[in-house]
Amino acid sequence: MSQDNLIKLKCKECKQINYNSFKNKKTIKEKIEEKKHCKFCRKHTNHIEMKGK
């Protein structure tokens, strides 16, 4: 996988970057939103894809 497909996910509540993931930008045009555990909030929250470079 190339670095172009790498995205960062940040917590919607505390705005901390918690996760890195890969996305095929040719097939998926919309931003990714996933429910994951935030170690700063200490609970499961929605994480959204950050704006690219």
Protein backbone atom coordinates (compact mmCIF):
# COMPACT_ATOMS: atom_id res chain seq x y z
CA MET A 1 0.00 0.00 0.00
CA SER A 2 1.25 3.46 -0.78
CA GLN A 3 1.26 6.41 1.59
CA ASP A 4 -1.42 8.07 -0.57
CA ASN A 5 -4.00 5.62 0.77
CA LEU A 6 -3.14 6.30 4.43
CA ILE A 7 -5.72 8.30 6.40
CA LYS A 8 -5.92 9.51 10.01
CA LEU A 9 -9.00 9.14 12.18
CA LYS A 10 -9.73 11.68 14.91
CA CYS A 11 -12.23 11.63 17.74
CA LYS A 12 -15.31 13.75 17.08
CA GLU A 13 -15.57 14.82 20.74
CA CYS A 14 -12.02 15.61 21.89
CA LYS A 15 -10.44 16.10 18.41
CA GLN A 16 -7.44 13.86 19.21
CA ILE A 17 -5.87 11.73 16.46
CA ASN A 18 -6.11 8.10 17.61
CA TYR A 19 -6.00 5.78 14.60
CA ASN A 20 -4.41 5.34 11.18
CA SER A 21 -6.14 3.37 8.46
CA PHE A 22 -6.09 2.75 4.71
CA LYS A 23 -8.73 3.77 2.18
CA ASN A 24 -9.06 3.11 -1.53
CA LYS A 25 -9.68 6.67 -2.71
CA LYS A 26 -10.68 5.58 -6.20
CA THR A 27 -13.73 3.63 -5.05
CA ILE A 28 -14.65 5.43 -1.80
CA LYS A 29 -15.25 9.17 -2.30
CA GLU A 30 -16.99 10.10 0.97
CA LYS A 31 -15.24 10.53 4.32
CA ILE A 32 -15.03 7.50 6.61
CA GLU A 33 -16.74 7.59 10.01
CA GLU A 34 -16.30 4.69 12.44
CA LYS A 35 -17.17 4.06 16.06
CA LYS A 36 -13.93 3.29 17.94
CA HIS A 37 -12.52 3.53 21.45
CA CYS A 38 -10.89 6.84 22.36
CA LYS A 39 -8.20 6.53 25.02
CA PHE A 40 -8.51 10.23 25.90
CA CYS A 41 -12.30 10.20 26.38
CA ARG A 42 -12.16 6.65 27.78
CA LYS A 43 -15.26 5.56 25.88
CA HIS A 44 -16.45 4.54 22.42
CA THR A 45 -16.97 7.58 20.21
CA ASN A 46 -17.34 8.33 16.52
CA HIS A 47 -14.04 8.88 14.73
CA ILE A 48 -13.98 10.78 11.44
CA GLU A 49 -11.42 10.97 8.68
CA MET A 50 -9.16 14.00 8.89
CA LYS A 51 -8.61 16.38 6.02
CA GLY A 52 -5.75 15.24 3.78
CA LYS A 53 -2.40 16.93 3.30
